[in-house]
């Protein structure tokens, strides 16, 4: 799959790399999944790095 990276360069991604399409601005971005810190609540919100809208 071809998509633009965070620097605006067109590159090829594998299908299972966590690329998602924003529901608001329709741009592809790499979804980051972080480990939960023990004792804190898990964040279930996915925010687009381009338009900063939530993609729950």
N, C-alpha and C. Protein backbone atom coordinates (compact mmCIF):
# COMPACT_ATOMS: atom_id res chain seq x y z
N UNK A 1 0.85 -1.17 0.00
CA UNK A 1 0.00 0.00 0.00
C UNK A 1 0.89 1.23 0.00
N UNK A 2 0.58 2.20 -0.82
CA UNK A 2 1.32 3.46 -0.87
C UNK A 2 0.58 4.51 -0.04
N UNK A 3 1.33 5.25 0.76
CA UNK A 3 0.76 6.32 1.57
C UNK A 3 1.89 7.30 1.90
N UNK A 4 1.50 8.50 2.31
CA UNK A 4 2.48 9.50 2.71
C UNK A 4 2.84 9.29 4.17
N UNK A 5 4.13 9.42 4.50
CA UNK A 5 4.56 9.29 5.88
C UNK A 5 4.45 10.64 6.59
N UNK A 6 4.93 10.70 7.85
CA UNK A 6 4.80 11.92 8.64
C UNK A 6 5.59 13.09 8.10
N UNK A 7 6.56 12.83 7.20
CA UNK A 7 7.35 13.89 6.58
C UNK A 7 6.80 14.33 5.23
N UNK A 8 5.70 13.71 4.79
CA UNK A 8 5.10 14.06 3.52
C UNK A 8 5.70 13.31 2.34
N UNK A 9 6.55 12.32 2.61
CA UNK A 9 7.17 11.53 1.55
C UNK A 9 6.31 10.30 1.25
N UNK A 10 6.15 10.00 -0.03
CA UNK A 10 5.38 8.83 -0.44
C UNK A 10 6.24 7.59 -0.24
N UNK A 11 5.70 6.61 0.49
CA UNK A 11 6.44 5.37 0.71
C UNK A 11 5.48 4.19 0.72
N UNK A 12 6.04 3.00 0.64
CA UNK A 12 5.22 1.79 0.62
C UNK A 12 5.19 1.18 2.01
N UNK A 13 3.99 0.82 2.46
CA UNK A 13 3.78 0.20 3.75
C UNK A 13 3.27 -1.22 3.55
N UNK A 14 3.55 -2.09 4.51
CA UNK A 14 2.94 -3.42 4.52
C UNK A 14 1.50 -3.26 4.99
N UNK A 15 0.63 -4.17 4.60
CA UNK A 15 -0.78 -4.07 4.95
C UNK A 15 -1.03 -4.21 6.46
N UNK A 16 -0.15 -4.89 7.18
CA UNK A 16 -0.37 -5.13 8.60
C UNK A 16 0.45 -4.20 9.50
N UNK A 17 0.92 -3.08 8.98
CA UNK A 17 1.75 -2.15 9.76
C UNK A 17 0.95 -1.19 10.63
N UNK A 18 -0.36 -1.21 10.58
CA UNK A 18 -1.16 -0.32 11.40
C UNK A 18 -1.51 0.98 10.72
N UNK A 19 -1.59 0.98 9.40
CA UNK A 19 -1.99 2.17 8.66
C UNK A 19 -3.51 2.31 8.73
N UNK A 20 -3.98 3.46 9.15
CA UNK A 20 -5.41 3.72 9.20
C UNK A 20 -5.71 5.00 8.41
N UNK A 21 -6.94 5.13 7.97
CA UNK A 21 -7.40 6.30 7.23
C UNK A 21 -8.27 7.14 8.17
N UNK A 22 -7.97 8.42 8.27
CA UNK A 22 -8.74 9.33 9.12
C UNK A 22 -10.15 9.48 8.56
N UNK A 23 -11.14 9.44 9.44
CA UNK A 23 -12.54 9.59 9.03
C UNK A 23 -12.87 11.04 8.65
N UNK A 24 -12.05 11.99 9.11
CA UNK A 24 -12.34 13.40 8.90
C UNK A 24 -11.60 13.99 7.71
N UNK A 25 -10.26 13.83 7.67
CA UNK A 25 -9.48 14.44 6.60
C UNK A 25 -9.08 13.44 5.52
N UNK A 26 -9.40 12.14 5.71
CA UNK A 26 -9.17 11.07 4.72
C UNK A 26 -7.70 10.85 4.40
N UNK A 27 -6.79 11.21 5.30
CA UNK A 27 -5.36 10.97 5.09
C UNK A 27 -4.94 9.71 5.84
N UNK A 28 -3.99 8.99 5.29
CA UNK A 28 -3.48 7.77 5.91
C UNK A 28 -2.36 8.12 6.88
N UNK A 29 -2.35 7.45 8.03
CA UNK A 29 -1.28 7.64 9.00
C UNK A 29 -1.00 6.34 9.72
N UNK A 30 0.18 6.25 10.31
CA UNK A 30 0.60 5.07 11.04
C UNK A 30 0.07 5.16 12.47
N UNK A 31 -0.75 4.19 12.84
CA UNK A 31 -1.34 4.17 14.18
C UNK A 31 -0.33 3.63 15.17
N UNK A 32 -0.03 4.39 16.20
CA UNK A 32 0.93 3.98 17.24
C UNK A 32 0.17 3.31 18.38
N UNK A 33 0.64 2.14 18.76
CA UNK A 33 0.06 1.42 19.89
C UNK A 33 1.11 1.36 20.98
N UNK A 34 0.77 1.91 22.14
CA UNK A 34 1.71 1.97 23.25
C UNK A 34 1.25 1.04 24.37
N UNK A 35 2.21 0.56 25.14
CA UNK A 35 1.90 -0.29 26.28
C UNK A 35 1.24 0.55 27.38
N UNK A 36 0.30 -0.05 28.09
CA UNK A 36 -0.36 0.64 29.17
C UNK A 36 0.53 0.64 30.40
N UNK A 37 0.61 1.79 31.06
CA UNK A 37 1.38 1.91 32.29
C UNK A 37 0.56 1.29 33.42
N UNK A 38 1.14 0.39 34.21
CA UNK A 38 0.39 -0.23 35.31
C UNK A 38 -0.15 0.82 36.27
N UNK A 39 -1.44 0.68 36.63
CA UNK A 39 -2.07 1.60 37.57
C UNK A 39 -2.81 2.75 36.91
N UNK A 40 -2.67 2.92 35.59
CA UNK A 40 -3.35 4.00 34.89
C UNK A 40 -4.41 3.42 33.95
N UNK A 41 -5.39 4.21 33.63
CA UNK A 41 -6.43 3.76 32.72
C UNK A 41 -5.92 3.74 31.29
N UNK A 42 -6.43 2.81 30.52
CA UNK A 42 -6.05 2.68 29.11
C UNK A 42 -6.74 3.77 28.30
N UNK A 43 -6.01 4.42 27.40
CA UNK A 43 -6.58 5.44 26.52
C UNK A 43 -7.13 4.75 25.28
N UNK A 44 -8.41 4.89 25.03
CA UNK A 44 -9.07 4.22 23.91
C UNK A 44 -9.35 5.20 22.78
N UNK A 45 -8.55 6.24 22.66
CA UNK A 45 -8.79 7.29 21.68
C UNK A 45 -7.66 7.29 20.65
N UNK A 46 -8.02 7.37 19.39
CA UNK A 46 -7.05 7.42 18.30
C UNK A 46 -7.17 8.80 17.67
N UNK A 47 -6.13 9.62 17.78
CA UNK A 47 -6.17 11.00 17.30
C UNK A 47 -5.32 11.11 16.04
N UNK A 48 -5.88 11.70 15.00
CA UNK A 48 -5.18 11.91 13.73
C UNK A 48 -4.07 12.94 13.93
N UNK A 49 -2.83 12.66 13.48
CA UNK A 49 -1.74 13.63 13.64
C UNK A 49 -1.84 14.83 12.72
N UNK A 50 -2.70 14.78 11.71
CA UNK A 50 -2.83 15.89 10.75
C UNK A 50 -3.92 16.87 11.14
N UNK A 51 -5.14 16.36 11.39
CA UNK A 51 -6.25 17.26 11.71
C UNK A 51 -6.59 17.26 13.21
N UNK A 52 -5.97 16.38 13.99
CA UNK A 52 -6.13 16.29 15.44
C UNK A 52 -7.57 15.97 15.87
N UNK A 53 -8.30 15.26 15.01
CA UNK A 53 -9.66 14.81 15.35
C UNK A 53 -9.58 13.37 15.85
N UNK A 54 -10.54 12.98 16.70
CA UNK A 54 -10.59 11.64 17.26
C UNK A 54 -11.21 10.67 16.26
N UNK A 55 -10.62 9.48 16.12
CA UNK A 55 -11.11 8.44 15.22
C UNK A 55 -11.48 7.19 16.00
N UNK A 56 -12.33 7.31 17.01
CA UNK A 56 -12.70 6.15 17.82
C UNK A 56 -13.43 5.13 17.00
